[in-house]
PDB file of N, CA and C in Angstrom:
ATOM      1  N   MET A   1     -84.838  -9.442 -74.252  1.00  0.00           N
ATOM      2  CA  MET A   1     -83.518  -9.286 -74.827  1.00  0.00           C
ATOM      3  C   MET A   1     -82.653 -10.507 -74.551  1.00  0.00           C
ATOM      4  N   THR A   2     -82.745 -11.060 -73.362  1.00  0.00           N
ATOM      5  CA  THR A   2     -81.961 -12.235 -73.015  1.00  0.00           C
ATOM      6  C   THR A   2     -82.328 -13.406 -73.919  1.00  0.00           C
ATOM      7  N   SER A   3     -83.616 -13.539 -74.240  1.00  0.00           N
ATOM      8  CA  SER A   3     -84.065 -14.615 -75.097  1.00  0.00           C
ATOM      9  C   SER A   3     -83.410 -14.524 -76.472  1.00  0.00           C
ATOM     10  N   LYS A   4     -83.292 -13.313 -77.014  1.00  0.00           N
ATOM     11  CA  LYS A   4     -82.677 -13.109 -78.321  1.00  0.00           C
ATOM     12  C   LYS A   4     -81.209 -13.513 -78.293  1.00  0.00           C
ATOM     13  N   VAL A   5     -80.498 -13.158 -77.229  1.00  0.00           N
ATOM     14  CA  VAL A   5     -79.093 -13.517 -77.100  1.00  0.00           C
ATOM     15  C   VAL A   5     -78.962 -15.032 -77.013  1.00  0.00           C
ATOM     16  N   ALA A   6     -79.830 -15.670 -76.236  1.00  0.00           N
ATOM     17  CA  ALA A   6     -79.796 -17.124 -76.096  1.00  0.00           C
ATOM     18  C   ALA A   6     -80.091 -17.802 -77.432  1.00  0.00           C
ATOM     19  N   GLU A   7     -81.036 -17.269 -78.194  1.00  0.00           N
ATOM     20  CA  GLU A   7     -81.358 -17.827 -79.507  1.00  0.00           C
ATOM     21  C   GLU A   7     -80.161 -17.772 -80.438  1.00  0.00           C
ATOM     22  N   GLU A   8     -79.463 -16.650 -80.438  1.00  0.00           N
ATOM     23  CA  GLU A   8     -78.327 -16.484 -81.333  1.00  0.00           C
ATOM     24  C   GLU A   8     -77.179 -17.413 -80.960  1.00  0.00           C
ATOM     25  N   ALA A   9     -77.107 -17.808 -79.697  1.00  0.00           N
ATOM     26  CA  ALA A   9     -76.043 -18.697 -79.255  1.00  0.00           C
ATOM     27  C   ALA A   9     -76.337 -20.157 -79.597  1.00  0.00           C
ATOM     28  N   LEU A  10     -77.579 -20.482 -79.936  1.00  0.00           N
ATOM     29  CA  LEU A  10     -77.947 -21.851 -80.263  1.00  0.00           C
ATOM     30  C   LEU A  10     -77.409 -22.238 -81.629  1.00  0.00           C
ATOM     31  N   GLY A  11     -76.814 -23.406 -81.691  1.00  0.00           N
ATOM     32  CA  GLY A  11     -76.435 -23.958 -82.975  1.00  0.00           C
ATOM     33  C   GLY A  11     -77.649 -24.584 -83.633  1.00  0.00           C
ATOM     34  N   TYR A  12     -77.516 -24.922 -84.896  1.00  0.00           N
ATOM     35  CA  TYR A  12     -78.638 -25.511 -85.620  1.00  0.00           C
ATOM     36  C   TYR A  12     -79.111 -26.803 -84.957  1.00  0.00           C
ATOM     37  N   GLU A  13     -78.178 -27.688 -84.661  1.00  0.00           N
ATOM     38  CA  GLU A  13     -78.546 -28.978 -84.090  1.00  0.00           C
ATOM     39  C   GLU A  13     -79.228 -28.825 -82.735  1.00  0.00           C
ATOM     40  N   GLN A  14     -78.737 -27.897 -81.926  1.00  0.00           N
ATOM     41  CA  GLN A  14     -79.355 -27.659 -80.618  1.00  0.00           C
ATOM     42  C   GLN A  14     -80.793 -27.169 -80.779  1.00  0.00           C
ATOM     43  N   ALA A  15     -80.982 -26.204 -81.672  1.00  0.00           N
ATOM     44  CA  ALA A  15     -82.319 -25.650 -81.901  1.00  0.00           C
ATOM     45  C   ALA A  15     -83.241 -26.720 -82.468  1.00  0.00           C
ATOM     46  N   ARG A  16     -82.749 -27.501 -83.414  1.00  0.00           N
ATOM     47  CA  ARG A  16     -83.556 -28.564 -84.013  1.00  0.00           C
ATOM     48  C   ARG A  16     -83.974 -29.599 -82.972  1.00  0.00           C
ATOM     49  N   ASP A  17     -83.013 -30.021 -82.145  1.00  0.00           N
ATOM     50  CA  ASP A  17     -83.321 -31.025 -81.128  1.00  0.00           C
ATOM     51  C   ASP A  17     -84.337 -30.511 -80.109  1.00  0.00           C
ATOM     52  N   GLU A  18     -84.182 -29.250 -79.709  1.00  0.00           N
ATOM     53  CA  GLU A  18     -85.143 -28.679 -78.765  1.00  0.00           C
ATOM     54  C   GLU A  18     -86.515 -28.541 -79.419  1.00  0.00           C
ATOM     55  N   LEU A  19     -86.537 -28.170 -80.692  1.00  0.00           N
ATOM     56  CA  LEU A  19     -87.803 -28.056 -81.416  1.00  0.00           C
ATOM     57  C   LEU A  19     -88.492 -29.413 -81.495  1.00  0.00           C
ATOM     58  N   ILE A  20     -87.743 -30.456 -81.749  1.00  0.00           N
ATOM     59  CA  ILE A  20     -88.316 -31.807 -81.783  1.00  0.00           C
ATOM     60  C   ILE A  20     -88.947 -32.143 -80.435  1.00  0.00           C
ATOM     61  N   GLU A  21     -88.275 -31.795 -79.364  1.00  0.00           N
ATOM     62  CA  GLU A  21     -88.812 -32.061 -78.025  1.00  0.00           C
ATOM     63  C   GLU A  21     -90.076 -31.248 -77.754  1.00  0.00           C
ATOM     64  N   VAL A  22     -90.097 -30.000 -78.189  1.00  0.00           N
ATOM     65  CA  VAL A  22     -91.288 -29.158 -78.016  1.00  0.00           C
ATOM     66  C   VAL A  22     -92.470 -29.783 -78.760  1.00  0.00           C
ATOM     67  N   VAL A  23     -92.242 -30.197 -79.997  1.00  0.00           N
ATOM     68  CA  VAL A  23     -93.312 -30.805 -80.785  1.00  0.00           C
ATOM     69  C   VAL A  23     -93.787 -32.092 -80.115  1.00  0.00           C
ATOM     70  N   ARG A  24     -92.869 -32.895 -79.633  1.00  0.00           N
ATOM     71  CA  ARG A  24     -93.225 -34.142 -78.959  1.00  0.00           C
ATOM     72  C   ARG A  24     -94.123 -33.874 -77.751  1.00  0.00           C
ATOM     73  N   ARG A  25     -93.748 -32.876 -76.965  1.00  0.00           N
ATOM     74  CA  ARG A  25     -94.539 -32.542 -75.775  1.00  0.00           C
ATOM     75  C   ARG A  25     -95.921 -32.025 -76.144  1.00  0.00           C
ATOM     76  N   LEU A  26     -95.995 -31.204 -77.195  1.00  0.00           N
ATOM     77  CA  LEU A  26     -97.298 -30.693 -77.630  1.00  0.00           C
ATOM     78  C   LEU A  26     -98.184 -31.821 -78.151  1.00  0.00           C
ATOM     79  N   GLU A  27     -97.590 -32.724 -78.926  1.00  0.00           N
ATOM     80  CA  GLU A  27     -98.367 -33.830 -79.474  1.00  0.00           C
ATOM     81  C   GLU A  27     -98.831 -34.802 -78.389  1.00  0.00           C
ATOM     82  N   ALA A  28     -98.030 -34.940 -77.336  1.00  0.00           N
ATOM     83  CA  ALA A  28     -98.381 -35.860 -76.253  1.00  0.00           C
ATOM     84  C   ALA A  28     -99.572 -35.355 -75.450  1.00  0.00           C
ATOM     85  N   GLY A  29     -99.757 -34.040 -75.438  1.00  0.00           N
ATOM     86  CA  GLY A  29    -100.868 -33.458 -74.686  1.00  0.00           C
ATOM     87  C   GLY A  29    -100.586 -33.502 -73.187  1.00  0.00           C
ATOM     88  N   GLY A  30    -101.634 -33.292 -72.424  1.00  0.00           N
ATOM     89  CA  GLY A  30    -101.501 -33.338 -70.979  1.00  0.00           C
ATOM     90  C   GLY A  30    -100.944 -32.074 -70.357  1.00  0.00           C
ATOM     91  N   THR A  31    -100.784 -31.019 -71.154  1.00  0.00           N
ATOM     92  CA  THR A  31    -100.295 -29.753 -70.608  1.00  0.00           C
ATOM     93  C   THR A  31    -101.459 -28.786 -70.499  1.00  0.00           C
ATOM     94  N   THR A  32    -101.293 -27.817 -69.633  1.00  0.00           N
ATOM     95  CA  THR A  32    -102.329 -26.790 -69.490  1.00  0.00           C
ATOM     96  C   THR A  32    -102.300 -25.887 -70.719  1.00  0.00           C
ATOM     97  N   LEU A  33    -103.319 -25.097 -70.867  1.00  0.00           N
ATOM     98  CA  LEU A  33    -103.360 -24.155 -71.977  1.00  0.00           C
ATOM     99  C   LEU A  33    -102.162 -23.216 -71.920  1.00  0.00           C
ATOM    100  N   GLU A  34    -101.868 -22.721 -70.731  1.00  0.00           N
ATOM    101  CA  GLU A  34    -100.741 -21.793 -70.560  1.00  0.00           C
ATOM    102  C   GLU A  34     -99.419 -22.457 -70.957  1.00  0.00           C
ATOM    103  N   GLU A  35     -99.231 -23.706 -70.527  1.00  0.00           N
ATOM    104  CA  GLU A  35     -98.007 -24.437 -70.879  1.00  0.00           C
ATOM    105  C   GLU A  35     -97.947 -24.694 -72.385  1.00  0.00           C
ATOM    106  N   SER A  36     -99.066 -25.051 -72.965  1.00  0.00           N
ATOM    107  CA  SER A  36     -99.118 -25.302 -74.406  1.00  0.00           C
ATOM    108  C   SER A  36     -98.772 -24.048 -75.197  1.00  0.00           C
ATOM    109  N   LEU A  37     -99.298 -22.914 -74.774  1.00  0.00           N
ATOM    110  CA  LEU A  37     -98.985 -21.650 -75.456  1.00  0.00           C
ATOM    111  C   LEU A  37     -97.505 -21.316 -75.341  1.00  0.00           C
ATOM    112  N   ALA A  38     -96.944 -21.522 -74.153  1.00  0.00           N
ATOM    113  CA  ALA A  38     -95.514 -21.252 -73.955  1.00  0.00           C
ATOM    114  C   ALA A  38     -94.670 -22.182 -74.831  1.00  0.00           C
ATOM    115  N   LEU A  39     -95.061 -23.441 -74.923  1.00  0.00           N
ATOM    116  CA  LEU A  39     -94.333 -24.387 -75.776  1.00  0.00           C
ATOM    117  C   LEU A  39     -94.443 -23.982 -77.240  1.00  0.00           C
ATOM    118  N   TRP A  40     -95.639 -23.604 -77.653  1.00  0.00           N
ATOM    119  CA  TRP A  40     -95.840 -23.193 -79.044  1.00  0.00           C
ATOM    120  C   TRP A  40     -94.974 -21.973 -79.377  1.00  0.00           C
ATOM    121  N   GLU A  41     -94.954 -20.988 -78.479  1.00  0.00           N
ATOM    122  CA  GLU A  41     -94.138 -19.785 -78.702  1.00  0.00           C
ATOM    123  C   GLU A  41     -92.660 -20.148 -78.782  1.00  0.00           C
ATOM    124  N   ARG A  42     -92.210 -21.039 -77.897  1.00  0.00           N
ATOM    125  CA  ARG A  42     -90.803 -21.471 -77.940  1.00  0.00           C
ATOM    126  C   ARG A  42     -90.518 -22.194 -79.253  1.00  0.00           C
ATOM    127  N   GLY A  43     -91.461 -23.012 -79.684  1.00  0.00           N
ATOM    128  CA  GLY A  43     -91.294 -23.707 -80.959  1.00  0.00           C
ATOM    129  C   GLY A  43     -91.161 -22.749 -82.123  1.00  0.00           C
ATOM    130  N   GLU A  44     -91.948 -21.686 -82.118  1.00  0.00           N
ATOM    131  CA  GLU A  44     -91.845 -20.674 -83.174  1.00  0.00           C
ATOM    132  C   GLU A  44     -90.462 -20.021 -83.165  1.00  0.00           C
ATOM    133  N   GLU A  45     -89.962 -19.698 -81.982  1.00  0.00           N
ATOM    134  CA  GLU A  45     -88.623 -19.104 -81.869  1.00  0.00           C
ATOM    135  C   GLU A  45     -87.560 -20.054 -82.390  1.00  0.00           C
ATOM    136  N   LEU A  46     -87.658 -21.309 -82.005  1.00  0.00           N
ATOM    137  CA  LEU A  46     -86.675 -22.302 -82.438  1.00  0.00           C
ATOM    138  C   LEU A  46     -86.735 -22.524 -83.944  1.00  0.00           C
ATOM    139  N   ALA A  47     -87.934 -22.521 -84.507  1.00  0.00           N
ATOM    140  CA  ALA A  47     -88.081 -22.675 -85.951  1.00  0.00           C
ATOM    141  C   ALA A  47     -87.398 -21.515 -86.681  1.00  0.00           C
ATOM    142  N   LYS A  48     -87.498 -20.316 -86.136  1.00  0.00           N
ATOM    143  CA  LYS A  48     -86.836 -19.153 -86.743  1.00  0.00           C
ATOM    144  C   LYS A  48     -85.315 -19.299 -86.688  1.00  0.00           C
ATOM    145  N   VAL A  49     -84.812 -19.799 -85.558  1.00  0.00           N
ATOM    146  CA  VAL A  49     -83.364 -20.028 -85.422  1.00  0.00           C
ATOM    147  C   VAL A  49     -82.910 -21.026 -86.487  1.00  0.00           C
ATOM    148  N   CYS A  50     -83.642 -22.116 -86.616  1.00  0.00           N
ATOM    149  CA  CYS A  50     -83.295 -23.133 -87.617  1.00  0.00           C
ATOM    150  C   CYS A  50     -83.334 -22.543 -89.028  1.00  0.00           C
ATOM    151  N   ARG A  51     -84.361 -21.761 -89.315  1.00  0.00           N
ATOM    152  CA  ARG A  51     -84.491 -21.156 -90.641  1.00  0.00           C
ATOM    153  C   ARG A  51     -83.314 -20.222 -90.941  1.00  0.00           C
ATOM    154  N   ARG A  52     -82.889 -19.442 -89.930  1.00  0.00           N
ATOM    155  CA  ARG A  52     -81.741 -18.545 -90.146  1.00  0.00           C
ATOM    156  C   ARG A  52     -80.481 -19.350 -90.458  1.00  0.00           C
ATOM    157  N   TRP A  53     -80.270 -20.437 -89.720  1.00  0.00           N
ATOM    158  CA  TRP A  53     -79.107 -21.284 -89.990  1.00  0.00           C
ATOM    159  C   TRP A  53     -79.164 -21.868 -91.401  1.00  0.00           C
ATOM    160  N   LEU A  54     -80.327 -22.370 -91.784  1.00  0.00           N
ATOM    161  CA  LEU A  54     -80.465 -22.972 -93.111  1.00  0.00           C
ATOM    162  C   LEU A  54     -80.327 -21.933 -94.221  1.00  0.00           C
ATOM    163  N   ASP A  55     -80.890 -20.749 -94.017  1.00  0.00           N
ATOM    164  CA  ASP A  55     -80.739 -19.681 -95.001  1.00  0.00           C
ATOM    165  C   ASP A  55     -79.275 -19.276 -95.146  1.00  0.00           C
ATOM    166  N   GLY A  56     -78.569 -19.210 -94.020  1.00  0.00           N
ATOM    167  CA  GLY A  56     -77.141 -18.878 -94.054  1.00  0.00           C
ATOM    168  C   GLY A  56     -76.330 -19.942 -94.778  1.00  0.00           C
ATOM    169  N   ALA A  57     -76.664 -21.193 -94.534  1.00  0.00           N
ATOM    170  CA  ALA A  57     -75.969 -22.287 -95.215  1.00  0.00           C
ATOM    171  C   ALA A  57     -76.230 -22.235 -96.713  1.00  0.00           C
ATOM    172  N   ARG A  58     -77.474 -21.960 -97.091  1.00  0.00           N
ATOM    173  CA  ARG A  58     -77.819 -21.857 -98.509  1.00  0.00           C
ATOM    174  C   ARG A  58     -77.049 -20.712 -99.170  1.00  0.00           C
ATOM    175  N   ALA A  59     -76.935 -19.584 -98.489  1.00  0.00           N
ATOM    176  CA  ALA A  59     -76.200 -18.441 -99.040  1.00  0.00           C
ATOM    177  C   ALA A  59     -74.732 -18.792 -99.233  1.00  0.00           C
ATOM    178  N   ARG A  60     -74.153 -19.499 -98.280  1.00  0.00           N
ATOM    179  CA  ARG A  60     -72.746 -19.911 -98.400  1.00  0.00           C
ATOM    180  C   ARG A  60     -72.548 -20.875 -99.564  1.00  0.00           C
ATOM    181  N   LEU A  61     -73.472 -21.818 -99.720  1.00  0.00           N
ATOM    182  CA  LEU A  61     -73.381 -22.753-100.843  1.00  0.00           C
ATOM    183  C   LEU A  61     -73.526 -22.033-102.178  1.00  0.00           C
ATOM    184  N   ASP A  62     -74.492 -21.137-102.252  1.00  0.00           N
ATOM    185  CA  ASP A  62     -74.689 -20.372-103.489  1.00  0.00           C
ATOM    186  C   ASP A  62     -73.446 -19.563-103.837  1.00  0.00           C
ATOM    187  N   ALA A  63     -72.826 -18.950-102.828  1.00  0.00           N
ATOM    188  CA  ALA A  63     -71.617 -18.162-103.068  1.00  0.00           C
ATOM    189  C   ALA A  63     -70.474 -19.053-103.544  1.00  0.00           C
ATOM    190  N   ALA A  64     -70.328 -20.211-102.931  1.00  0.00           N
ATOM    191  CA  ALA A  64     -69.263 -21.131-103.335  1.00  0.00           C
ATOM    192  C   ALA A  64     -69.486 -21.624-104.756  1.00  0.00           C
ATOM    193  N   LEU A  65     -70.718 -21.945-105.098  1.00  0.00           N
ATOM    194  CA  LEU A  65     -71.022 -22.396-106.455  1.00  0.00           C
ATOM    195  C   LEU A  65     -70.785 -21.281-107.472  1.00  0.00           C
ATOM    196  N   ALA A  66     -71.119 -20.052-107.120  1.00  0.00           N
ATOM    197  CA  ALA A  66     -70.908 -18.923-108.023  1.00  0.00           C
ATOM    198  C   ALA A  66     -69.415 -18.708-108.251  1.00  0.00           C
ATOM    199  N   GLU A  67     -68.616 -18.826-107.184  1.00  0.00           N
ATOM    200  CA  GLU A  67     -67.165 -18.678-107.326  1.00  0.00           C
ATOM    201  C   GLU A  67     -66.601 -19.764-108.235  1.00  0.00           C
ATOM    202  N   GLU A  68     -67.073 -20.972-108.045  1.00  0.00           N
ATOM    203  CA  GLU A  68     -66.606 -22.096-108.863  1.00  0.00           C
ATOM    204  C   GLU A  68     -66.961 -21.876-110.330  1.00  0.00           C
ATOM    205  N   GLU A  69     -68.179 -21.387-110.570  1.00  0.00           N
ATOM    206  CA  GLU A  69     -68.615 -21.122-111.929  1.00  0.00           C
ATOM    207  C   GLU A  69     -67.774 -20.020-112.571  1.00  0.00           C
ATOM    208  N   GLU A  70     -67.508 -18.951-111.804  1.00  0.00           N
ATOM    209  CA  GLU A  70     -66.687 -17.848-112.320  1.00  0.00           C
ATOM    210  C   GLU A  70     -65.273 -18.334-112.629  1.00  0.00           C
ATOM    211  N   ALA A  71     -64.725 -19.167-111.748  1.00  0.00           N
ATOM    212  CA  ALA A  71     -63.382 -19.696-111.989  1.00  0.00           C
ATOM    213  C   ALA A  71     -63.355 -20.559-113.232  1.00  0.00           C
ATOM    214  N   GLY A  72     -64.398 -21.323-113.454  1.00  0.00           N
ATOM    215  CA  GLY A  72     -64.484 -22.166-114.646  1.00  0.00           C
ATOM    216  C   GLY A  72     -64.574 -21.350-115.917  1.00  0.00           C
ATOM    217  N   GLU A  73     -65.341 -20.256-115.862  1.00  0.00           N
ATOM    218  CA  GLU A  73     -65.480 -19.392-117.031  1.00  0.00           C
ATOM    219  C   GLU A  73     -64.182 -18.649-117.324  1.00  0.00           C
ATOM    220  N   ALA A  74     -63.487 -18.225-116.287  1.00  0.00           N
ATOM    221  CA  ALA A  74     -62.240 -17.488-116.468  1.00  0.00           C
ATOM    222  C   ALA A  74     -61.160 -18.412-117.015  1.00  0.00           C
ATOM    223  N   GLY A  75     -61.176 -19.652-116.601  1.00  0.00           N
ATOM    224  CA  GLY A  75     -60.190 -20.617-117.071  1.00  0.00           C
ATOM    225  C   GLY A  75     -60.421 -21.058-118.505  1.00  0.00           C
ATOM    226  N   GLY A  76     -61.651 -20.927-118.967  1.00  0.00           N
ATOM    227  CA  GLY A  76     -62.012 -21.362-120.317  1.00  0.00           C
ATOM    228  C   GLY A  76     -61.712 -20.335-121.387  1.00  0.00           C
ATOM    229  N   GLU A  77     -61.324 -19.135-120.994  1.00  0.00           N
ATOM    230  CA  GLU A  77     -61.107 -18.065-121.978  1.00  0.00           C
ATOM    231  C   GLU A  77     -59.765 -18.175-122.614  1.00  0.00           C
TER     232      GLU A  77
END
């Protein structure tokens, strides 16, 4: 449960930067299997956080564009 709360508190940039570091560490190698699995799991969590932020941003943009389109149509009548 604590992990979920911590994930929700992460901003997009924080999650992205941590994900980059996780990938860097995995690519560098030199970790035990257990450490690699833990890094991979953390990377999956961070990727989900990033995806939620991006999906939310896309929804906001779509809503703003729809409002603009509706305003344009209403003004043209």
